[in-house]
Amino acid sequence: MATSALLVGLGMAAVGLAGRAYLKFGKNAQNHLKKTLDSIPNGSFSKYYKGGFDQKINKREAGLILGISPNASKSKVKEAHKRIMLLNHPDRGGSPYLAAKINEAKDFIDAGSKK
């Protein structure tokens, strides 16, 4: 019985010391980590473009939608359009709005390219 009480007491002391160490050192480490993460620009870890669509499509936006250079050849445009539409087609659970934007981007780049 005395051994159990001694072990419980030592366990509580260990928990208390661990809590004290966390309060003393953990907050500083947490604040340092928060400052470091706040100093990194937003979107640095994302491969996706942050932002909505423009009212009127332009070459830059069309290229971003299709994931190609705005000056890409017709074959690259066709390949990119097919790849993206397979992933976003409304018949496969995709958004009709996104499908319309993808088609608009393809049409805009096709109209501007002479290749």
Foldseek 3Di string as FASTA:
>chain_A
DVVVVVVVVVVVVVVVVVVVVCVVPVVVVVVVVVVVVVVDDPPPPPPADDDDDDPDDDLVNLCNLLVHHLQDDLVSLVVSLVVVCVVAPVVVVHDPVSNVSNVVSSVVSVVVYDD
